[in-house]
Structures are given as C-alpha cells and as structure tokens.
Amino acid sequence: EFIRSVYYNKLEFTRFSSSVGKFVGFTEYGVKNAEYWNNDPSKVSAMKAQKEGYCLHNIQIDYTAALTKS
C-alpha cells in the first residue's frame, strides 16, 4: 500500500492511500484540498503511478532481504 500524507504543524490534514484510490481530508482545510485534488485526474493518476514506481519496484528487494535475515 502506498500512502502519502500531508502535514502542517504536526497535524495530518490530507492523505492519499492507494487502497482507497483517492485523497482523503481530515480537517476542514484538508477536505477542501482533497476535493480539489480528486477532481484533477492527472494528480490522482500520478499518485497511483507512485505505487508501481516505488512500492512494486522495491517489494522484491525488501522481501529478499527479510528472508535472508531470518
């Protein structure tokens, strides 16, 4: 799962989760940002591409490293 959180003053106000597939806001300001970003298909598709570019690329490396240490 790929998660990208946005914080301000140590308070999380917006999060993108690949399992949900969209941005979710946790504060009033975060809800407005999430709504704006979810209406931009390029922003949402860029975040979904991060999962393939980062998570799926590194999962085999991390899995192999964990197996060799156990």
Protein backbone atom coordinates (compact mmCIF):
# COMPACT_ATOMS: atom_id res chain seq x y z
CA GLU A 1 0.00 0.00 0.00
CA PHE A 2 1.26 3.46 -0.89
CA ILE A 3 0.36 6.31 1.48
CA ARG A 4 1.30 9.97 1.02
CA SER A 5 0.34 12.20 3.95
CA VAL A 6 0.43 15.99 4.11
CA TYR A 7 1.08 17.63 7.48
CA TYR A 8 1.02 21.16 8.81
CA ASN A 9 2.11 21.95 12.39
CA LYS A 10 2.36 18.21 13.13
CA LEU A 11 -1.29 17.71 12.15
CA GLU A 12 -2.16 15.45 9.24
CA PHE A 13 -4.76 17.18 7.11
CA THR A 14 -4.75 15.17 3.86
CA ARG A 15 -3.75 11.65 2.85
CA PHE A 16 -3.60 9.68 -0.38
CA SER A 17 -3.98 5.95 0.10
CA SER A 18 -3.56 3.54 -2.80
CA SER A 19 -6.09 1.15 -1.25
CA VAL A 20 -8.75 3.90 -1.31
CA GLY A 21 -7.51 5.33 -4.61
CA LYS A 22 -8.15 8.95 -3.76
CA PHE A 23 -7.23 11.77 -1.40
CA VAL A 24 -8.97 11.94 1.98
CA GLY A 25 -9.12 15.06 4.16
CA PHE A 26 -9.08 15.03 7.95
CA THR A 27 -9.58 18.73 8.68
CA GLU A 28 -11.79 21.35 7.07
CA TYR A 29 -8.84 22.62 5.05
CA GLY A 30 -7.79 19.05 4.23
CA VAL A 31 -11.25 18.13 2.94
CA LYS A 32 -11.18 21.13 0.59
CA ASN A 33 -7.71 20.17 -0.66
CA ALA A 34 -8.70 16.53 -1.09
CA GLU A 35 -11.79 17.52 -3.08
CA TYR A 36 -9.72 19.79 -5.32
CA TRP A 37 -7.00 17.16 -5.89
CA ASN A 38 -9.52 14.36 -6.51
CA ASN A 39 -11.10 16.45 -9.28
CA ASP A 40 -7.72 16.59 -11.06
CA PRO A 41 -7.32 13.23 -12.86
CA SER A 42 -3.62 13.83 -13.52
CA LYS A 43 -2.91 14.30 -9.80
CA VAL A 44 -4.76 11.10 -8.86
CA SER A 45 -3.14 9.06 -11.65
CA ALA A 46 0.29 10.39 -10.65
CA MET A 47 -0.25 9.17 -7.09
CA LYS A 48 -1.44 5.78 -8.35
CA ALA A 49 1.67 5.56 -10.53
CA GLN A 50 3.81 6.13 -7.44
CA LYS A 51 2.68 2.74 -6.15
CA GLU A 52 4.02 0.97 -9.24
CA GLY A 53 7.11 3.15 -9.40
CA TYR A 54 8.11 2.86 -5.77
CA CYS A 55 6.31 0.06 -3.94
CA LEU A 56 6.21 -2.64 -6.60
CA HIS A 57 9.79 -1.88 -7.63
CA ASN A 58 11.17 -2.30 -4.10
CA ILE A 59 8.97 -5.10 -2.75
CA GLN A 60 11.12 -7.90 -4.14
CA ILE A 61 14.28 -6.29 -2.72
CA ASP A 62 12.73 -5.89 0.73
CA TYR A 63 11.21 -9.38 0.66
CA THR A 64 14.52 -10.98 -0.29
CA ALA A 65 16.40 -9.02 2.38
CA ALA A 66 13.90 -10.10 5.03
CA LEU A 67 14.18 -13.77 4.05
CA THR A 68 17.97 -13.79 4.16
CA LYS A 69 17.99 -12.37 7.70
CA SER A 70 15.53 -14.85 9.18
